[in-house]
Protein backbone atom coordinates (compact mmCIF):
# COMPACT_ATOMS: atom_id res chain seq x y z
CA MET A 1 -21.68 -24.94 -13.31
CA SER A 2 -18.86 -22.89 -11.34
CA GLU A 3 -17.53 -19.41 -13.34
CA GLY A 4 -14.70 -20.30 -15.18
CA THR A 5 -14.99 -23.74 -15.92
CA GLN A 6 -16.00 -25.68 -19.32
CA GLU A 7 -18.77 -27.65 -20.53
CA PRO A 8 -17.89 -31.42 -20.79
CA THR A 9 -16.48 -32.74 -23.50
CA ASP A 10 -18.99 -34.49 -26.15
CA LYS A 11 -19.48 -38.41 -25.46
CA GLY A 12 -17.40 -40.02 -28.04
CA LYS A 13 -14.32 -37.31 -28.72
CA GLU A 14 -11.03 -37.39 -27.83
CA SER A 15 -10.41 -36.10 -24.60
CA ASP A 16 -8.07 -33.08 -24.32
CA PRO A 17 -4.61 -34.16 -22.74
CA ASN A 18 -4.90 -30.84 -20.99
CA PRO A 19 -8.33 -30.29 -19.32
CA TYR A 20 -7.29 -26.97 -18.87
CA ALA A 21 -6.35 -25.76 -21.84
CA LYS A 22 -9.74 -23.83 -22.35
CA THR A 23 -10.29 -22.54 -18.86
CA VAL A 24 -11.77 -19.31 -19.10
CA ILE A 25 -9.60 -16.99 -16.55
CA LYS A 26 -11.31 -13.64 -15.66
CA ASP A 27 -9.45 -10.54 -15.01
CA ALA A 28 -9.25 -9.46 -11.39
CA SER A 29 -11.02 -6.50 -10.66
CA THR A 30 -8.02 -4.30 -10.23
CA TYR A 31 -6.66 -5.03 -13.61
CA ASN A 32 -9.89 -5.66 -16.10
CA ALA A 33 -8.98 -5.27 -18.82
CA ASP A 34 -5.56 -4.74 -21.39
CA VAL A 35 -3.55 -2.20 -21.09
CA GLU A 36 -4.13 -0.73 -24.11
CA ASP A 37 -8.12 -0.18 -23.24
CA LYS A 38 -7.24 1.86 -20.42
CA PRO A 39 -7.37 5.31 -20.61
CA GLY A 40 -3.75 6.67 -20.79
CA TYR A 41 -1.73 3.25 -21.26
CA GLU A 42 -1.65 3.40 -25.24
CA ASP A 43 2.06 3.40 -25.00
CA LEU A 44 2.29 0.50 -22.70
CA LYS A 45 2.41 -2.27 -25.17
CA LYS A 46 5.17 -4.38 -24.36
CA GLU A 47 6.70 -3.50 -27.91
CA ASN A 48 6.59 -0.42 -26.96
CA TRP A 49 8.52 -0.28 -24.06
CA GLU A 50 11.38 -1.95 -21.94
CA PRO A 51 10.78 -3.62 -18.65
CA CYS A 52 13.63 -3.14 -15.63
CA PRO A 53 15.57 -6.75 -16.31
CA ASN A 54 16.09 -8.11 -12.67
CA PRO A 55 16.65 -5.11 -10.45
CA THR A 56 17.66 -5.00 -6.86
CA ILE A 57 14.89 -3.28 -4.67
CA LEU A 58 15.58 -1.54 -1.48
CA ILE A 59 12.57 -1.01 0.96
CA THR A 60 13.83 0.71 4.25
CA GLY A 61 10.87 0.14 7.16
CA GLY A 62 10.19 -3.22 4.86
CA ALA A 63 9.57 -4.57 8.59
CA GLY A 64 6.41 -2.42 9.15
CA TYR A 65 2.78 -2.27 8.93
CA ILE A 66 3.05 -1.58 4.87
CA GLY A 67 6.57 -3.26 4.19
CA THR A 68 5.54 -6.58 5.24
CA VAL A 69 2.78 -7.16 3.12
CA LEU A 70 4.56 -5.38 0.14
CA VAL A 71 7.55 -8.16 0.82
CA GLN A 72 4.91 -10.44 0.91
CA LYS A 73 3.97 -9.48 -2.42
CA LEU A 74 7.12 -9.37 -3.85
CA MET A 75 8.53 -12.53 -3.09
CA GLU A 76 5.34 -14.18 -4.14
CA SER A 77 5.60 -12.35 -7.30
CA LYS A 78 9.41 -13.89 -7.52
CA LYS A 79 8.07 -17.30 -6.78
CA MET A 80 5.47 -16.76 -9.55
CA TRP A 81 7.80 -15.55 -12.05
CA GLY A 82 10.40 -18.79 -11.67
CA LEU A 83 7.11 -20.53 -12.84
CA LYS A 84 6.73 -18.65 -15.94
CA ASP A 85 6.72 -21.36 -18.09
CA PHE A 86 3.66 -23.05 -16.77
CA ASN A 87 2.01 -19.56 -16.40
CA MET A 88 2.70 -19.24 -20.40
CA LYS A 89 1.49 -22.79 -21.02
CA ASP A 90 -1.51 -22.96 -18.71
CA PRO A 91 -4.04 -20.15 -18.43
CA ARG A 92 -5.12 -21.36 -14.89
CA GLY A 93 -1.30 -19.51 -14.37
CA GLY A 94 -3.09 -16.47 -15.15
CA TRP A 95 -4.28 -15.43 -12.03
CA TRP A 96 -0.88 -14.10 -10.87
CA LYS A 97 -0.94 -11.57 -13.77
CA ASP A 98 -3.98 -10.40 -12.74
CA THR A 99 -2.46 -9.84 -9.09
CA TYR A 100 0.87 -8.77 -9.63
CA PRO A 101 0.54 -6.32 -12.30
CA ASN A 102 3.13 -8.30 -14.65
CA LEU A 103 6.15 -7.42 -12.51
CA GLN A 104 8.98 -9.06 -14.07
CA SER A 105 11.54 -10.79 -11.82
CA PHE A 106 13.88 -9.16 -9.37
CA LYS A 107 17.43 -10.09 -8.72
CA LYS A 108 18.10 -9.29 -5.05
CA LEU A 109 15.36 -7.71 -2.36
CA ILE A 110 17.26 -5.77 0.87
CA VAL A 111 14.90 -5.11 3.63
CA TYR A 112 16.67 -2.47 6.00
CA ASP A 113 14.86 -2.27 9.25
CA ASN A 114 15.96 -1.60 13.06
CA LEU A 115 12.95 -3.39 14.24
CA MET A 116 11.92 -1.12 16.88
CA TYR A 117 8.89 -3.22 17.58
CA GLN A 118 10.79 -6.69 18.19
CA GLN A 119 8.94 -7.56 14.71
CA THR A 120 9.90 -11.42 13.22
CA PRO A 121 7.18 -11.93 10.42
CA LEU A 122 9.89 -11.72 7.72
CA THR A 123 11.83 -14.74 8.85
CA GLN A 124 9.69 -16.51 6.68
CA TYR A 125 11.90 -15.34 3.58
CA CYS A 126 15.31 -15.77 5.13
CA TYR A 127 15.47 -19.50 3.07
CA ARG A 128 15.19 -17.50 -0.07
CA PRO A 129 18.73 -16.59 -1.58
CA GLU A 130 17.31 -13.31 -3.41
CA PHE A 131 16.05 -12.13 -0.14
CA GLU A 132 18.35 -9.77 2.28
CA PHE A 133 17.56 -8.33 5.60
CA VAL A 134 19.83 -5.68 7.19
CA ASN A 135 19.33 -4.56 10.70
CA GLY A 136 20.06 -0.83 10.56
CA ASP A 137 19.01 2.46 11.62
CA VAL A 138 18.30 4.90 8.34
CA ARG A 139 19.83 7.65 10.56
CA ASP A 140 23.28 5.76 9.98
CA GLN A 141 23.95 7.31 6.53
CA ASP A 142 27.39 5.22 6.47
CA LYS A 143 25.80 2.02 6.76
CA LEU A 144 22.55 2.94 4.59
CA LYS A 145 24.85 4.20 1.40
CA LYS A 146 26.04 0.79 0.75
CA TYR A 147 22.70 -0.50 -0.06
CA VAL A 148 21.17 2.26 -1.65
CA GLU A 149 24.04 2.56 -4.03
CA GLN A 150 23.04 -1.09 -5.14
CA ALA A 151 19.54 -0.23 -5.87
CA ASP A 152 17.64 0.22 -8.81
CA ILE A 153 14.46 0.65 -6.83
CA VAL A 154 14.47 2.39 -3.44
CA ILE A 155 11.26 2.42 -1.57
CA PRO A 156 11.53 4.76 1.84
CA LEU A 157 9.02 3.31 4.02
CA ALA A 158 11.02 4.12 7.41
CA ALA A 159 8.85 6.59 8.89
CA ILE A 160 7.78 8.15 12.35
CA VAL A 161 4.13 8.11 11.80
CA GLY A 162 1.18 9.84 12.91
CA ALA A 163 0.85 13.51 14.65
CA PRO A 164 0.85 12.29 18.25
CA ALA A 165 4.59 10.02 17.86
CA CYS A 166 6.25 12.86 15.97
CA GLU A 167 5.26 15.40 18.37
CA ARG A 168 6.73 13.41 21.23
CA ASP A 169 9.99 13.64 19.33
CA LYS A 170 10.47 16.16 16.34
CA GLU A 171 14.20 16.12 16.09
CA LEU A 172 13.60 12.31 15.14
CA ALA A 173 10.73 12.54 13.41
CA THR A 174 12.57 15.29 10.72
CA ALA A 175 15.63 12.93 10.62
CA VAL A 176 13.74 9.86 10.33
CA ASN A 177 10.99 11.30 8.02
CA TYR A 178 12.52 13.43 6.04
CA GLU A 179 16.65 13.22 6.37
CA HIS A 180 16.93 9.96 5.48
CA VAL A 181 14.58 10.16 2.53
CA LYS A 182 16.72 13.34 1.31
CA PHE A 183 19.75 10.92 1.83
CA LEU A 184 18.28 8.28 -0.42
CA CYS A 185 17.52 10.72 -3.26
CA GLU A 186 20.97 12.06 -3.02
CA ASN A 187 22.92 8.50 -3.10
CA ALA A 188 20.92 6.72 -5.12
CA LYS A 189 21.74 5.45 -8.82
CA PRO A 190 21.19 8.52 -11.53
CA LYS A 191 18.32 6.17 -13.23
CA ALA A 192 17.28 4.74 -9.73
CA LYS A 193 13.35 5.30 -9.13
CA ILE A 194 12.64 6.20 -5.94
CA VAL A 195 8.83 5.02 -5.00
CA TYR A 196 7.50 7.11 -1.84
CA PRO A 197 4.56 7.26 -0.07
CA ASN A 198 3.31 9.99 1.60
CA THR A 199 0.01 10.47 3.42
CA ASN A 200 -2.57 12.89 2.28
CA SER A 201 -3.14 14.27 5.34
CA GLY A 202 -0.58 16.82 3.91
CA TYR A 203 -4.58 18.32 2.45
CA GLY A 204 -5.10 19.15 6.30
CA ILE A 205 -8.35 20.57 6.28
CA GLY A 206 -10.20 20.91 3.15
CA GLU A 207 -12.93 22.98 1.74
CA LYS A 208 -16.08 21.48 2.46
CA GLY A 209 -17.89 19.29 -0.45
CA VAL A 210 -14.44 19.95 -2.72
CA PRO A 211 -12.79 16.54 -3.45
CA CYS A 212 -8.76 17.11 -2.70
CA THR A 213 -6.69 16.46 -6.07
CA GLU A 214 -3.03 16.15 -6.52
CA ASP A 215 -2.34 19.85 -7.98
CA MET A 216 -3.98 21.54 -5.21
CA PRO A 217 -1.59 22.76 -2.48
CA LEU A 218 -0.64 20.86 0.23
CA ASN A 219 -1.36 22.47 3.62
CA PRO A 220 -0.29 20.21 6.69
CA ILE A 221 -1.49 21.16 9.87
CA SER A 222 1.24 18.58 11.86
CA HIS A 223 5.25 17.99 12.09
CA TYR A 224 3.96 14.70 10.51
CA GLY A 225 2.62 16.37 7.66
CA ARG A 226 5.30 18.75 7.40
CA THR A 227 8.28 16.30 7.16
CA LYS A 228 6.24 13.88 4.56
CA CYS A 229 5.80 16.87 2.50
CA ASP A 230 8.91 17.87 2.36
CA ALA A 231 10.26 14.60 1.86
CA GLU A 232 7.83 14.66 -1.57
CA LYS A 233 9.06 17.70 -2.75
CA VAL A 234 12.82 16.00 -2.60
CA VAL A 235 11.28 12.49 -4.16
CA LEU A 236 9.81 14.67 -7.49
CA GLU A 237 13.01 16.94 -7.86
CA HIS A 238 14.64 13.39 -8.19
CA GLY A 239 11.85 12.02 -10.63
CA GLY A 240 9.99 9.65 -8.62
CA ILE A 241 6.67 8.49 -7.78
CA VAL A 242 4.89 9.49 -4.93
CA PHE A 243 1.71 7.77 -3.55
CA ARG A 244 -0.04 10.41 -1.20
CA LEU A 245 -2.19 7.45 0.90
CA ALA A 246 -5.43 7.47 2.14
CA THR A 247 -6.11 6.61 6.39
CA VAL A 248 -4.53 2.69 5.76
CA PHE A 249 -6.75 -0.10 7.56
CA GLY A 250 -6.70 -4.02 7.43
CA VAL A 251 -4.51 -6.72 8.71
CA SER A 252 -1.02 -6.87 8.17
CA PRO A 253 2.02 -9.70 9.25
CA ARG A 254 2.73 -6.62 11.88
CA GLN A 255 -0.57 -5.72 13.15
CA ARG A 256 -1.33 -1.52 14.04
CA LEU A 257 -4.49 -0.64 16.13
CA ASP A 258 -3.44 3.00 15.83
CA LEU A 259 -4.87 3.66 12.47
CA LEU A 260 -8.87 4.81 12.15
CA VAL A 261 -10.54 1.75 10.96
CA ASN A 262 -8.40 -0.93 12.91
CA ASP A 263 -8.51 1.22 15.94
CA PHE A 264 -12.51 1.80 15.92
CA THR A 265 -13.03 -1.82 14.69
CA TYR A 266 -11.08 -3.02 17.87
CA LYS A 267 -12.90 -0.79 20.34
CA ALA A 268 -16.43 -2.38 18.65
CA TYR A 269 -14.70 -5.84 19.19
CA LYS A 270 -13.63 -5.15 22.66
CA ASP A 271 -15.34 -2.90 24.34
CA GLY A 272 -18.44 -2.23 22.57
CA TYR A 273 -18.75 0.96 22.56
CA ILE A 274 -17.15 4.05 21.34
CA VAL A 275 -17.16 8.37 22.40
CA LEU A 276 -16.84 10.07 18.80
CA PHE A 277 -15.05 13.85 18.91
CA GLU A 278 -15.98 15.80 16.13
CA GLN A 279 -18.23 13.46 14.46
CA ASP A 280 -18.46 15.09 11.25
CA PHE A 281 -14.91 14.65 10.28
CA VAL A 282 -14.26 13.12 7.24
CA ARG A 283 -11.08 11.03 5.64
CA ASN A 284 -10.71 9.21 2.67
CA TYR A 285 -9.37 4.93 3.82
CA ILE A 286 -7.22 2.63 1.46
CA HIS A 287 -6.88 -1.27 2.30
CA VAL A 288 -3.24 -2.09 2.98
CA GLN A 289 -2.94 -4.97 0.36
CA ASP A 290 -4.43 -2.24 -2.16
CA VAL A 291 -1.56 -0.13 -0.79
CA ALA A 292 0.96 -2.69 -1.97
CA LEU A 293 -0.40 -3.48 -5.24
CA ALA A 294 -0.14 0.30 -5.78
CA PHE A 295 3.59 0.20 -5.06
CA MET A 296 3.73 -3.01 -7.25
CA ARG A 297 2.04 -0.79 -9.93
CA GLY A 298 4.63 1.87 -9.82
CA ILE A 299 7.58 -0.76 -10.03
CA HIS A 300 6.01 -2.31 -12.81
CA PHE A 301 6.07 0.84 -15.09
CA TYR A 302 8.77 2.60 -13.80
CA THR A 303 10.72 2.33 -16.64
CA HIS A 304 8.02 3.71 -19.30
CA PRO A 305 9.92 6.12 -21.69
CA LYS A 306 7.27 8.71 -21.25
CA LYS A 307 7.42 8.44 -17.19
CA MET A 308 3.82 7.55 -17.30
CA MET A 309 3.87 6.45 -13.55
CA THR A 310 6.45 9.51 -12.53
CA GLY A 311 4.68 12.06 -10.35
CA VAL A 312 1.98 12.26 -7.57
CA TYR A 313 -1.04 9.94 -7.31
CA ASN A 314 -4.16 9.91 -4.32
CA VAL A 315 -4.41 6.03 -3.38
CA GLY A 316 -7.66 5.67 -1.51
CA LEU A 317 -11.22 4.07 -1.73
CA SER A 318 -13.21 6.25 -3.77
CA SER A 319 -16.48 4.93 -2.19
CA ALA A 320 -14.90 5.49 1.22
CA ASN A 321 -14.77 9.66 1.69
CA LEU A 322 -16.14 8.89 4.89
CA SER A 323 -17.39 11.00 8.19
CA LYS A 324 -16.12 9.36 11.64
CA LEU A 325 -19.71 8.61 12.35
CA GLU A 326 -20.22 7.27 9.50
CA LEU A 327 -17.18 4.73 9.82
CA ALA A 328 -18.24 3.51 13.04
CA GLU A 329 -22.17 3.14 11.63
CA LYS A 330 -20.52 0.82 8.96
CA ILE A 331 -18.77 -1.01 11.90
CA LYS A 332 -21.83 -1.54 13.45
CA GLU A 333 -23.59 -3.12 10.96
CA GLN A 334 -20.84 -6.23 11.37
CA VAL A 335 -21.18 -6.00 15.10
CA PRO A 336 -24.51 -5.00 16.01
CA GLY A 337 -24.29 -4.13 19.49
CA PHE A 338 -21.82 -1.42 18.98
CA SER A 339 -22.58 1.51 20.96
CA ILE A 340 -22.22 4.95 19.29
CA GLN A 341 -22.07 7.58 21.47
CA TYR A 342 -21.02 11.76 21.16
CA ASP A 343 -18.91 14.07 23.09
CA ASP A 344 -19.85 17.61 21.29
CA ILE A 345 -17.77 19.20 23.75
CA ALA A 346 -14.16 17.44 23.71
CA GLU A 347 -11.75 18.18 20.88
CA ASP A 348 -9.83 15.69 18.94
CA PRO A 349 -6.48 16.87 18.21
CA ASP A 350 -6.34 15.37 14.71
CA LYS A 351 -7.94 18.05 12.91
CA ARG A 352 -7.90 16.57 9.58
CA ASP A 353 -10.80 16.95 7.80
CA TYR A 354 -11.15 16.14 3.66
CA ILE A 355 -12.43 14.47 1.09
CA VAL A 356 -9.87 12.78 -1.75
CA SER A 357 -10.39 12.49 -5.27
CA ASN A 358 -8.73 9.52 -6.72
CA ALA A 359 -9.57 10.05 -10.03
CA LYS A 360 -6.08 10.55 -11.54
CA PHE A 361 -4.95 7.20 -10.61
CA GLU A 362 -8.31 5.31 -11.33
CA ASN A 363 -8.43 7.15 -15.07
CA GLN A 364 -5.02 5.34 -15.71
CA GLY A 365 -6.49 1.70 -15.27
CA TRP A 366 -5.73 0.89 -11.18
CA ARG A 367 -8.92 0.33 -9.16
CA PRO A 368 -8.64 -1.10 -5.19
CA ARG A 369 -9.56 -4.77 -4.77
CA TYR A 370 -10.56 -4.57 -0.76
CA THR A 371 -13.88 -2.80 0.29
CA LEU A 372 -14.29 -1.17 3.05
CA GLU A 373 -16.80 -3.67 4.98
CA ARG A 374 -14.13 -6.41 3.68
CA GLY A 375 -12.03 -4.79 5.64
CA ILE A 376 -14.07 -4.53 8.64
CA THR A 377 -14.69 -8.70 8.25
CA GLU A 378 -11.11 -9.40 8.13
CA LEU A 379 -10.13 -7.11 11.11
CA LEU A 380 -12.88 -9.00 13.63
CA LYS A 381 -11.54 -12.48 12.28
CA ALA A 382 -7.59 -11.27 13.29
CA PHE A 383 -9.06 -10.18 16.61
CA GLU A 384 -9.87 -13.43 17.71
CA ILE A 385 -6.72 -15.10 16.63
CA LEU A 386 -4.63 -12.05 18.27
CA GLY A 387 -6.23 -12.44 21.54
CA PRO A 388 -8.29 -9.80 23.58
CA SER A 389 -4.97 -8.01 24.76
CA LEU A 390 -3.24 -6.41 21.27
CA ASN A 391 -1.33 -3.26 23.30
CA LYS A 392 1.85 -4.08 21.67
CA TYR A 393 0.30 -3.49 18.25
CA THR A 394 0.38 0.22 17.93
CA ASN A 395 2.98 2.79 17.24
CA LEU A 396 2.02 4.85 20.14
């Protein structure tokens, strides 16, 4: 008998008009206990706090790698909330609460993006009246102001991402990564919540064997890291939430290859070999789906009277503080012919080297749902669909 089903009713008994009424729905691993059983969640029972009713959500850069996944989850959540009567009466609907942390409905979702990579995956939501797309540059403050003033929740995803891209045009990187976030904070409603993604590359070069925690001083070693950390300070002054993200991996409607796991896996798929520089440098990793779920959680709990979600949280896979060599070996488990070679003389221009503790977020009940192995598997599937020429899927 498959998990989550009931034994057939005894012969002779009147059949249940709803055969699913007694179905047992197991919680998803991310939210695997009632909130009162989670450390730090004692005050999150429904009677103790008021969720934000029908917020307007603004996402800048919402057509990007993380944004398209987050928009997908928000739109699916809105659709499932529209079926709330079904979900309340039929346990089969319980899955959506596990997947979308009980997010209440929202009034409008505004995505503000300049589509600099000609990406089009959000067209699938144009038929939804609650979805609005604005084709705009975040440096156009006159245009942006109209939308930030409407928003109850602001998620600044627009960014020039990665050290190489920021080094090529530091003025642009500063304008997008820092000044646009500062503008959002200064022009948002007084009670609006900013939910901001920093990079844990702000930790720079960590002490060997010592996990980086949220209370450690930041030490960014690139212009990219400095602009993101400067923006973090502004968000925290506003009373917002900051997620310091590990290196993100996985498949997105707006795919990227210039991320370490995605890049290494593509090299295994396409070339069959890789040459590693500074193979012992360590980073932490997180699946793009789990990043979106972290944002969903931040949105859901942002009105808690004790501001449970205010502050900084590392978001990563605690099982994936891995060196470049260990990462390559993980990929080799699924691509046996993958040849891993070493260059002990050449240097990697990206000097990030640290391990990260995600205990603060985990102690409040959050768990990532997607393993590194699962991400590698899905990437290999996606490469079969996307084809051998994937050069357009990069920010470099």
